[in-house]
Amino acid sequence: MDIAAEMFFKDGRYHLAAEGRTLTTAAFIDYLASLCGRYPILLMEDPLGEDDFDGWVALTRRLGGEIELVGDDLFTTNLARFEQGVAMRMANSILVKPNQVGTLSETMNLVASAKAAGYGIVFSRRSGETEDTSIADLAVALNGTKVKFGSLARTEAMAKYNQLLRLQDAIASAQRV
């Protein structure tokens, strides 16, 4: 689940407007943990605000051994920010958007750092994408653990998923030879 907590993290608190509640980081972490206890949640993307570093450390300590905690806004596909997160033990997975980082070399360096740190690697496209499928090729070539390409209702996402199927067929054929 993509919580996108940055959208409701203001003045150091989590504002749950629909519920009429404002929670401290500790209370919000308790809430997230309770959700994991009630539902079969395997992954949370951006469960906390991007600059709530102490919260990320606490959440990772609490849930990092049970579920995948993906930093998107936290890391912004930025190697320096990611290395800071690894040093502080924040999250256990990174969302990689190659067109956010800038170059293929930078993407490859970031992925190598994530692998060395034992982090999951989720390749993601950005909004407003085209039907270009190169991100699917990158995800496979760099051994990403997951992809996030969007709804099957949109042609730009379908093109990427179809490329993954073609790559799977090509790899299976090569292994049979």
N, C-alpha and C. Protein backbone atom coordinates (compact mmCIF):
# COMPACT_ATOMS: atom_id res chain seq x y z
N MET A 1 0.84 -1.18 0.00
CA MET A 1 0.00 0.00 0.00
C MET A 1 0.88 1.24 0.00
N ASP A 2 0.54 2.19 -0.83
CA ASP A 2 1.26 3.46 -0.91
C ASP A 2 0.53 4.46 -0.03
N ILE A 3 1.08 4.72 1.15
CA ILE A 3 0.41 5.58 2.12
C ILE A 3 0.58 7.06 1.77
N ALA A 4 1.71 7.42 1.15
CA ALA A 4 1.98 8.81 0.78
C ALA A 4 1.79 9.76 1.97
N ALA A 5 2.38 9.38 3.11
CA ALA A 5 2.18 10.11 4.36
C ALA A 5 2.65 11.56 4.29
N GLU A 6 3.54 11.86 3.37
CA GLU A 6 4.02 13.24 3.23
C GLU A 6 2.85 14.19 2.96
N MET A 7 1.81 13.67 2.36
CA MET A 7 0.64 14.49 2.02
C MET A 7 -0.14 14.94 3.24
N PHE A 8 -0.01 14.24 4.36
CA PHE A 8 -0.76 14.65 5.55
C PHE A 8 0.14 14.79 6.79
N PHE A 9 1.44 14.92 6.55
CA PHE A 9 2.41 15.16 7.63
C PHE A 9 2.69 16.65 7.67
N LYS A 10 2.19 17.32 8.72
CA LYS A 10 2.37 18.76 8.84
C LYS A 10 2.75 19.10 10.28
N ASP A 11 3.73 19.97 10.40
CA ASP A 11 4.18 20.44 11.72
C ASP A 11 4.52 19.29 12.66
N GLY A 12 5.14 18.24 12.12
CA GLY A 12 5.60 17.13 12.95
C GLY A 12 4.53 16.17 13.41
N ARG A 13 3.34 16.26 12.81
CA ARG A 13 2.24 15.38 13.21
C ARG A 13 1.52 14.86 11.96
N TYR A 14 0.81 13.77 12.15
CA TYR A 14 0.06 13.15 11.06
C TYR A 14 -1.41 13.51 11.23
N HIS A 15 -1.94 14.23 10.25
CA HIS A 15 -3.31 14.75 10.30
C HIS A 15 -4.23 13.85 9.48
N LEU A 16 -5.04 13.07 10.17
CA LEU A 16 -6.00 12.17 9.53
C LEU A 16 -7.34 12.90 9.48
N ALA A 17 -7.47 13.76 8.50
CA ALA A 17 -8.63 14.66 8.41
C ALA A 17 -9.95 13.90 8.35
N ALA A 18 -10.00 12.82 7.59
CA ALA A 18 -11.25 12.07 7.45
C ALA A 18 -11.71 11.48 8.78
N GLU A 19 -10.76 11.24 9.66
CA GLU A 19 -11.09 10.67 10.97
C GLU A 19 -11.13 11.75 12.05
N GLY A 20 -10.77 12.96 11.68
CA GLY A 20 -10.76 14.05 12.66
C GLY A 20 -9.72 13.87 13.75
N ARG A 21 -8.59 13.23 13.40
CA ARG A 21 -7.55 12.96 14.40
C ARG A 21 -6.21 13.51 13.93
N THR A 22 -5.41 13.90 14.89
CA THR A 22 -4.02 14.28 14.64
C THR A 22 -3.17 13.42 15.55
N LEU A 23 -2.17 12.74 14.95
CA LEU A 23 -1.37 11.79 15.71
C LEU A 23 0.10 12.18 15.74
N THR A 24 0.75 11.91 16.86
CA THR A 24 2.20 12.03 16.92
C THR A 24 2.79 10.93 16.07
N THR A 25 4.08 11.02 15.81
CA THR A 25 4.74 9.96 15.05
C THR A 25 4.58 8.62 15.76
N ALA A 26 4.82 8.59 17.06
CA ALA A 26 4.71 7.33 17.81
C ALA A 26 3.30 6.74 17.71
N ALA A 27 2.30 7.58 17.82
CA ALA A 27 0.90 7.11 17.73
C ALA A 27 0.59 6.64 16.31
N PHE A 28 1.14 7.31 15.31
CA PHE A 28 0.89 6.89 13.93
C PHE A 28 1.58 5.56 13.65
N ILE A 29 2.78 5.37 14.19
CA ILE A 29 3.46 4.08 14.05
C ILE A 29 2.64 2.98 14.71
N ASP A 30 2.07 3.25 15.88
CA ASP A 30 1.19 2.28 16.53
C ASP A 30 0.00 1.95 15.63
N TYR A 31 -0.56 2.97 15.00
CA TYR A 31 -1.69 2.77 14.09
C TYR A 31 -1.28 1.88 12.90
N LEU A 32 -0.11 2.17 12.30
CA LEU A 32 0.37 1.36 11.18
C LEU A 32 0.60 -0.08 11.62
N ALA A 33 1.19 -0.26 12.78
CA ALA A 33 1.43 -1.61 13.29
C ALA A 33 0.10 -2.34 13.53
N SER A 34 -0.90 -1.61 14.00
CA SER A 34 -2.21 -2.25 14.21
C SER A 34 -2.83 -2.69 12.88
N LEU A 35 -2.62 -1.90 11.84
CA LEU A 35 -3.11 -2.31 10.52
C LEU A 35 -2.44 -3.60 10.06
N CYS A 36 -1.13 -3.69 10.30
CA CYS A 36 -0.40 -4.90 9.93
C CYS A 36 -0.87 -6.10 10.73
N GLY A 37 -1.29 -5.86 11.96
CA GLY A 37 -1.82 -6.95 12.78
C GLY A 37 -3.18 -7.44 12.34
N ARG A 38 -3.97 -6.54 11.74
CA ARG A 38 -5.34 -6.89 11.33
C ARG A 38 -5.43 -7.37 9.89
N TYR A 39 -4.51 -6.93 9.02
CA TYR A 39 -4.59 -7.22 7.59
C TYR A 39 -3.28 -7.82 7.09
N PRO A 40 -3.33 -8.61 6.02
CA PRO A 40 -2.11 -9.24 5.50
C PRO A 40 -1.28 -8.25 4.64
N ILE A 41 -0.78 -7.22 5.27
CA ILE A 41 -0.01 -6.20 4.57
C ILE A 41 1.43 -6.69 4.42
N LEU A 42 1.94 -6.63 3.20
CA LEU A 42 3.30 -7.08 2.92
C LEU A 42 4.25 -5.92 2.66
N LEU A 43 3.71 -4.78 2.26
CA LEU A 43 4.54 -3.66 1.84
C LEU A 43 3.83 -2.35 2.12
N MET A 44 4.59 -1.38 2.62
CA MET A 44 4.09 -0.01 2.78
C MET A 44 5.09 0.92 2.12
N GLU A 45 4.60 1.72 1.20
CA GLU A 45 5.42 2.74 0.56
C GLU A 45 5.11 4.09 1.21
N ASP A 46 6.15 4.82 1.53
CA ASP A 46 6.02 6.14 2.16
C ASP A 46 5.04 6.14 3.33
N PRO A 47 5.28 5.25 4.32
CA PRO A 47 4.38 5.22 5.47
C PRO A 47 4.55 6.43 6.40
N LEU A 48 5.67 7.15 6.26
CA LEU A 48 5.92 8.32 7.10
C LEU A 48 6.40 9.48 6.22
N GLY A 49 6.41 10.67 6.80
CA GLY A 49 6.87 11.85 6.08
C GLY A 49 8.34 11.73 5.68
N GLU A 50 8.70 12.39 4.61
CA GLU A 50 10.04 12.26 4.04
C GLU A 50 11.16 12.77 4.95
N ASP A 51 10.85 13.68 5.84
CA ASP A 51 11.88 14.20 6.76
C ASP A 51 11.66 13.77 8.20
N ASP A 52 10.78 12.81 8.44
CA ASP A 52 10.52 12.29 9.77
C ASP A 52 11.53 11.15 10.04
N PHE A 53 12.81 11.52 10.06
CA PHE A 53 13.88 10.52 10.16
C PHE A 53 13.78 9.68 11.43
N ASP A 54 13.54 10.31 12.57
CA ASP A 54 13.42 9.54 13.81
C ASP A 54 12.25 8.56 13.72
N GLY A 55 11.18 9.00 13.10
CA GLY A 55 10.03 8.11 12.91
C GLY A 55 10.37 6.93 12.01
N TRP A 56 11.08 7.19 10.91
CA TRP A 56 11.48 6.11 10.01
C TRP A 56 12.35 5.09 10.73
N VAL A 57 13.27 5.58 11.55
CA VAL A 57 14.13 4.67 12.32
C VAL A 57 13.27 3.81 13.24
N ALA A 58 12.35 4.43 13.97
CA ALA A 58 11.48 3.70 14.90
C ALA A 58 10.58 2.72 14.16
N LEU A 59 10.00 3.15 13.04
CA LEU A 59 9.12 2.26 12.26
C LEU A 59 9.90 1.08 11.71
N THR A 60 11.10 1.32 11.20
CA THR A 60 11.91 0.24 10.64
C THR A 60 12.27 -0.76 11.73
N ARG A 61 12.61 -0.26 12.90
CA ARG A 61 12.89 -1.15 14.03
C ARG A 61 11.66 -2.01 14.36
N ARG A 62 10.51 -1.39 14.31
CA ARG A 62 9.28 -2.06 14.73
C ARG A 62 8.73 -3.02 13.68
N LEU A 63 8.70 -2.59 12.40
CA LEU A 63 8.04 -3.41 11.37
C LEU A 63 8.97 -3.92 10.27
N GLY A 64 10.21 -3.45 10.25
CA GLY A 64 11.12 -3.78 9.16
C GLY A 64 11.44 -5.26 9.01
N GLY A 65 11.30 -6.02 10.08
CA GLY A 65 11.52 -7.46 9.99
C GLY A 65 10.30 -8.22 9.51
N GLU A 66 9.17 -7.53 9.43
CA GLU A 66 7.91 -8.19 9.06
C GLU A 66 7.43 -7.83 7.65
N ILE A 67 7.59 -6.56 7.29
CA ILE A 67 7.07 -6.11 5.99
C ILE A 67 8.14 -5.27 5.27
N GLU A 68 7.90 -5.05 3.99
CA GLU A 68 8.78 -4.20 3.20
C GLU A 68 8.35 -2.74 3.40
N LEU A 69 9.30 -1.92 3.81
CA LEU A 69 9.07 -0.49 4.03
C LEU A 69 9.82 0.25 2.93
N VAL A 70 9.08 0.77 1.96
CA VAL A 70 9.67 1.35 0.76
C VAL A 70 9.77 2.87 0.89
N GLY A 71 10.97 3.38 0.73
CA GLY A 71 11.19 4.81 0.73
C GLY A 71 11.16 5.35 -0.69
N ASP A 72 10.16 6.15 -0.99
CA ASP A 72 10.08 6.87 -2.26
C ASP A 72 10.41 8.33 -1.98
N ASP A 73 9.48 9.05 -1.36
CA ASP A 73 9.73 10.44 -1.00
C ASP A 73 10.93 10.54 -0.05
N LEU A 74 11.13 9.54 0.78
CA LEU A 74 12.24 9.52 1.73
C LEU A 74 13.58 9.61 1.00
N PHE A 75 13.75 8.85 -0.07
CA PHE A 75 15.03 8.77 -0.76
C PHE A 75 15.09 9.54 -2.08
N THR A 76 13.97 9.77 -2.71
CA THR A 76 13.85 10.48 -4.00
C THR A 76 14.89 10.04 -5.04
N THR A 77 15.17 8.74 -5.08
CA THR A 77 16.13 8.17 -6.02
C THR A 77 17.45 8.94 -5.97
N ASN A 78 17.86 9.33 -4.79
CA ASN A 78 19.06 10.15 -4.60
C ASN A 78 20.06 9.35 -3.77
N LEU A 79 21.25 9.10 -4.34
CA LEU A 79 22.24 8.25 -3.68
C LEU A 79 22.67 8.80 -2.32
N ALA A 80 22.93 10.09 -2.23
CA ALA A 80 23.38 10.66 -0.95
C ALA A 80 22.30 10.51 0.12
N ARG A 81 21.05 10.78 -0.26
CA ARG A 81 19.95 10.65 0.70
C ARG A 81 19.75 9.18 1.07
N PHE A 82 19.89 8.29 0.10
CA PHE A 82 19.76 6.86 0.37
C PHE A 82 20.86 6.40 1.34
N GLU A 83 22.09 6.81 1.10
CA GLU A 83 23.20 6.41 1.97
C GLU A 83 22.98 6.91 3.40
N GLN A 84 22.42 8.10 3.54
CA GLN A 84 22.07 8.61 4.87
C GLN A 84 21.03 7.69 5.52
N GLY A 85 20.03 7.28 4.73
CA GLY A 85 19.00 6.38 5.24
C GLY A 85 19.55 5.03 5.67
N VAL A 86 20.48 4.49 4.89
CA VAL A 86 21.10 3.22 5.24
C VAL A 86 21.88 3.37 6.55
N ALA A 87 22.65 4.45 6.65
CA ALA A 87 23.44 4.69 7.86
C ALA A 87 22.56 4.80 9.09
N MET A 88 21.37 5.39 8.93
CA MET A 88 20.45 5.57 10.06
C MET A 88 19.51 4.38 10.24
N ARG A 89 19.57 3.42 9.31
CA ARG A 89 18.71 2.23 9.32
C ARG A 89 17.23 2.61 9.14
N MET A 90 16.99 3.38 8.09
CA MET A 90 15.62 3.77 7.74
C MET A 90 15.16 2.95 6.54
N ALA A 91 13.98 2.39 6.62
CA ALA A 91 13.35 1.61 5.55
C ALA A 91 14.16 0.33 5.31
N ASN A 92 13.69 -0.48 4.37
CA ASN A 92 14.42 -1.67 3.97
C ASN A 92 14.28 -1.91 2.46
N SER A 93 13.75 -0.90 1.78
CA SER A 93 13.53 -0.99 0.34
C SER A 93 13.50 0.42 -0.23
N ILE A 94 13.89 0.55 -1.50
CA ILE A 94 13.92 1.86 -2.14
C ILE A 94 13.13 1.81 -3.44
N LEU A 95 12.39 2.87 -3.71
CA LEU A 95 11.71 3.03 -4.99
C LEU A 95 12.68 3.73 -5.93
N VAL A 96 12.95 3.13 -7.08
CA VAL A 96 13.90 3.67 -8.04
C VAL A 96 13.15 4.16 -9.27
N LYS A 97 13.29 5.44 -9.53
CA LYS A 97 12.71 6.05 -10.73
C LYS A 97 13.88 6.56 -11.57
N PRO A 98 14.29 5.79 -12.58
CA PRO A 98 15.48 6.17 -13.35
C PRO A 98 15.42 7.60 -13.92
N ASN A 99 14.26 8.05 -14.35
CA ASN A 99 14.21 9.41 -14.91
C ASN A 99 14.17 10.47 -13.83
N GLN A 100 14.12 10.08 -12.58
CA GLN A 100 14.22 11.04 -11.48
C GLN A 100 15.69 11.24 -11.09
N VAL A 101 16.45 10.15 -11.13
CA VAL A 101 17.86 10.23 -10.74
C VAL A 101 18.68 10.92 -11.82
N GLY A 102 18.32 10.72 -13.08
CA GLY A 102 18.98 11.47 -14.15
C GLY A 102 19.65 10.64 -15.21
N THR A 103 20.58 9.74 -14.82
CA THR A 103 21.31 8.98 -15.83
C THR A 103 21.25 7.49 -15.52
N LEU A 104 21.59 6.68 -16.52
CA LEU A 104 21.65 5.24 -16.30
C LEU A 104 22.77 4.89 -15.33
N SER A 105 23.89 5.58 -15.44
CA SER A 105 25.01 5.32 -14.52
C SER A 105 24.60 5.59 -13.08
N GLU A 106 23.91 6.69 -12.84
CA GLU A 106 23.45 7.00 -11.49
C GLU A 106 22.44 5.97 -11.00
N THR A 107 21.57 5.53 -11.89
CA THR A 107 20.60 4.49 -11.53
C THR A 107 21.32 3.21 -11.14
N MET A 108 22.30 2.82 -11.94
CA MET A 108 23.05 1.59 -11.66
C MET A 108 23.83 1.69 -10.34
N ASN A 109 24.42 2.85 -10.07
CA ASN A 109 25.13 3.05 -8.81
C ASN A 109 24.19 2.95 -7.62
N LEU A 110 23.01 3.56 -7.75
CA LEU A 110 22.02 3.51 -6.67
C LEU A 110 21.56 2.07 -6.43
N VAL A 111 21.27 1.35 -7.49
CA VAL A 111 20.83 -0.04 -7.36
C VAL A 111 21.94 -0.89 -6.72
N ALA A 112 23.18 -0.68 -7.13
CA ALA A 112 24.30 -1.43 -6.55
C ALA A 112 24.41 -1.13 -5.05
N SER A 113 24.25 0.12 -4.67
CA SER A 113 24.30 0.49 -3.25
C SER A 113 23.16 -0.16 -2.48
N ALA A 114 21.97 -0.17 -3.08
CA ALA A 114 20.82 -0.79 -2.42
C ALA A 114 21.04 -2.29 -2.23
N LYS A 115 21.57 -2.94 -3.25
CA LYS A 115 21.84 -4.38 -3.13
C LYS A 115 22.88 -4.64 -2.05
N ALA A 116 23.94 -3.83 -2.03
CA ALA A 116 25.00 -4.00 -1.03
C ALA A 116 24.47 -3.82 0.38
N ALA A 117 23.46 -2.96 0.53
CA ALA A 117 22.87 -2.70 1.85
C ALA A 117 21.78 -3.71 2.20
N GLY A 118 21.43 -4.60 1.26
CA GLY A 118 20.40 -5.59 1.51
C GLY A 118 18.98 -5.05 1.37
N TYR A 119 18.82 -3.93 0.66
CA TYR A 119 17.50 -3.31 0.48
C TYR A 119 16.79 -3.91 -0.72
N GLY A 120 15.46 -3.95 -0.64
CA GLY A 120 14.65 -4.29 -1.80
C GLY A 120 14.71 -3.15 -2.80
N ILE A 121 14.48 -3.46 -4.06
CA ILE A 121 14.56 -2.46 -5.12
C ILE A 121 13.28 -2.53 -5.94
N VAL A 122 12.48 -1.47 -5.87
CA VAL A 122 11.22 -1.39 -6.60
C VAL A 122 11.40 -0.38 -7.71
N PHE A 123 11.34 -0.84 -8.95
CA PHE A 123 11.44 0.08 -10.08
C PHE A 123 10.06 0.67 -10.35
N SER A 124 10.04 1.98 -10.55
CA SER A 124 8.76 2.66 -10.76
C SER A 124 8.87 3.68 -11.87
N ARG A 125 7.80 3.82 -12.59
CA ARG A 125 7.72 4.88 -13.58
C ARG A 125 7.17 6.12 -12.90
N ARG A 126 7.28 7.23 -13.56
CA ARG A 126 6.73 8.47 -13.01
C ARG A 126 5.44 8.80 -13.74
N SER A 127 4.62 9.64 -13.14
CA SER A 127 3.37 10.02 -13.80
C SER A 127 3.67 10.72 -15.12
N GLY A 128 2.74 10.59 -16.03
CA GLY A 128 2.90 11.22 -17.33
C GLY A 128 3.82 10.46 -18.25
N GLU A 129 4.06 9.18 -17.95
CA GLU A 129 4.95 8.35 -18.76
C GLU A 129 4.38 8.10 -20.15
N THR A 130 5.25 7.66 -21.02
CA THR A 130 4.86 7.25 -22.37
C THR A 130 4.80 5.72 -22.39
N GLU A 131 4.63 5.15 -23.56
CA GLU A 131 4.61 3.70 -23.69
C GLU A 131 6.00 3.11 -23.84
N ASP A 132 7.03 3.91 -23.64
CA ASP A 132 8.41 3.41 -23.67
C ASP A 132 8.57 2.31 -22.61
N THR A 133 9.21 1.22 -22.99
CA THR A 133 9.31 0.06 -22.09
C THR A 133 10.70 -0.13 -21.49
N SER A 134 11.58 0.82 -21.67
CA SER A 134 12.96 0.63 -21.21
C SER A 134 13.06 0.40 -19.70
N ILE A 135 12.13 0.93 -18.92
CA ILE A 135 12.18 0.71 -17.47
C ILE A 135 11.97 -0.76 -17.12
N ALA A 136 11.17 -1.47 -17.90
CA ALA A 136 10.99 -2.90 -17.68
C ALA A 136 12.31 -3.63 -17.96
N ASP A 137 12.99 -3.24 -19.02
CA ASP A 137 14.29 -3.83 -19.33
C ASP A 137 15.29 -3.57 -18.20
N LEU A 138 15.30 -2.35 -17.69
CA LEU A 138 16.20 -2.01 -16.58
C LEU A 138 15.88 -2.82 -15.33
N ALA A 139 14.60 -2.93 -15.01
CA ALA A 139 14.19 -3.68 -13.82
C ALA A 139 14.69 -5.12 -13.88
N VAL A 140 14.60 -5.73 -15.04
CA VAL A 140 15.06 -7.11 -15.20
C VAL A 140 16.58 -7.16 -15.23
N ALA A 141 17.21 -6.29 -16.01
CA ALA A 141 18.67 -6.31 -16.15
C ALA A 141 19.37 -6.05 -14.81
N LEU A 142 18.79 -5.19 -13.99
CA LEU A 142 19.42 -4.83 -12.71
C LEU A 142 18.86 -5.63 -11.53
N ASN A 143 18.05 -6.65 -11.84
CA ASN A 143 17.50 -7.54 -10.80
C ASN A 143 16.68 -6.82 -9.75
N GLY A 144 15.78 -5.95 -10.19
CA GLY A 144 14.86 -5.32 -9.25
C GLY A 144 14.00 -6.38 -8.59
N THR A 145 13.58 -6.12 -7.37
CA THR A 145 12.76 -7.12 -6.68
C THR A 145 11.27 -6.96 -6.99
N LYS A 146 10.88 -5.75 -7.40
CA LYS A 146 9.48 -5.48 -7.73
C LYS A 146 9.42 -4.35 -8.77
N VAL A 147 8.24 -4.20 -9.36
CA VAL A 147 7.98 -3.06 -10.24
C VAL A 147 6.67 -2.41 -9.82
N LYS A 148 6.57 -1.14 -10.13
CA LYS A 148 5.34 -0.39 -9.88
C LYS A 148 5.10 0.46 -11.13
N PHE A 149 4.24 -0.06 -12.00
CA PHE A 149 4.02 0.60 -13.28
C PHE A 149 2.62 1.19 -13.41
N GLY A 150 1.76 0.97 -12.44
CA GLY A 150 0.43 1.55 -12.51
C GLY A 150 -0.63 0.58 -12.96
N SER A 151 -1.82 1.12 -13.12
CA SER A 151 -3.02 0.34 -13.42
C SER A 151 -2.96 -0.28 -14.82
N LEU A 152 -3.55 -1.47 -14.92
CA LEU A 152 -3.64 -2.15 -16.21
C LEU A 152 -4.59 -1.44 -17.17
N ALA A 153 -5.30 -0.45 -16.69
CA ALA A 153 -6.26 0.27 -17.53
C ALA A 153 -5.58 1.28 -18.44
N ARG A 154 -4.32 1.57 -18.21
CA ARG A 154 -3.63 2.61 -18.99
C ARG A 154 -2.62 1.97 -19.94
N THR A 155 -2.59 2.44 -21.17
CA THR A 155 -1.73 1.80 -22.17
C THR A 155 -0.24 1.92 -21.84
N GLU A 156 0.19 3.03 -21.21
CA GLU A 156 1.61 3.16 -20.90
C GLU A 156 2.06 2.12 -19.87
N ALA A 157 1.16 1.74 -18.96
CA ALA A 157 1.48 0.69 -18.00
C ALA A 157 1.44 -0.68 -18.68
N MET A 158 0.44 -0.91 -19.48
CA MET A 158 0.31 -2.20 -20.18
C MET A 158 1.53 -2.49 -21.04
N ALA A 159 2.05 -1.48 -21.70
CA ALA A 159 3.24 -1.67 -22.54
C ALA A 159 4.40 -2.20 -21.69
N LYS A 160 4.55 -1.66 -20.50
CA LYS A 160 5.64 -2.08 -19.62
C LYS A 160 5.41 -3.50 -19.09
N TYR A 161 4.19 -3.81 -18.68
CA TYR A 161 3.90 -5.17 -18.21
C TYR A 161 4.06 -6.18 -19.34
N ASN A 162 3.63 -5.82 -20.54
CA ASN A 162 3.80 -6.72 -21.68
C ASN A 162 5.28 -6.97 -21.97
N GLN A 163 6.11 -5.94 -21.79
CA GLN A 163 7.54 -6.13 -21.99
C GLN A 163 8.10 -7.10 -20.94
N LEU A 164 7.62 -7.01 -19.71
CA LEU A 164 8.06 -7.97 -18.70
C LEU A 164 7.71 -9.40 -19.11
N LEU A 165 6.52 -9.59 -19.68
CA LEU A 165 6.13 -10.93 -20.15
C LEU A 165 7.02 -11.39 -21.29
N ARG A 166 7.35 -10.50 -22.22
CA ARG A 166 8.25 -10.86 -23.31
C ARG A 166 9.64 -11.23 -22.77
N LEU A 167 10.11 -10.48 -21.80
CA LEU A 167 11.42 -10.78 -21.21
C LEU A 167 11.39 -12.12 -20.48
N GLN A 168 10.30 -12.39 -19.78
CA GLN A 168 10.18 -13.67 -19.10
C GLN A 168 10.24 -14.83 -20.11
N ASP A 169 9.54 -14.68 -21.22
CA ASP A 169 9.55 -15.72 -22.27
C ASP A 169 10.96 -15.88 -22.84
N ALA A 170 11.63 -14.77 -23.09
CA ALA A 170 12.99 -14.82 -23.66
C ALA A 170 13.96 -15.50 -22.69
N ILE A 171 13.85 -15.19 -21.42
CA ILE A 171 14.74 -15.79 -20.42
C ILE A 171 14.45 -17.29 -20.31
N ALA A 172 13.18 -17.66 -20.29
CA ALA A 172 12.80 -19.08 -20.20
C ALA A 172 13.31 -19.84 -21.42
N SER A 173 13.18 -19.25 -22.60
CA SER A 173 13.68 -19.89 -23.82
C SER A 173 15.18 -20.07 -23.79
N ALA A 174 15.89 -19.08 -23.32
CA ALA A 174 17.35 -19.14 -23.24
C ALA A 174 17.80 -20.21 -22.24
N GLN A 175 17.04 -20.40 -21.17
CA GLN A 175 17.40 -21.40 -20.17
C GLN A 175 17.16 -22.83 -20.66
N ARG A 176 16.23 -22.99 -21.61
CA ARG A 176 15.93 -24.32 -22.14
C ARG A 176 17.01 -24.78 -23.11
N VAL A 177 17.77 -23.85 -23.65
CA VAL A 177 18.77 -24.20 -24.68
C VAL A 177 19.99 -24.82 -24.04
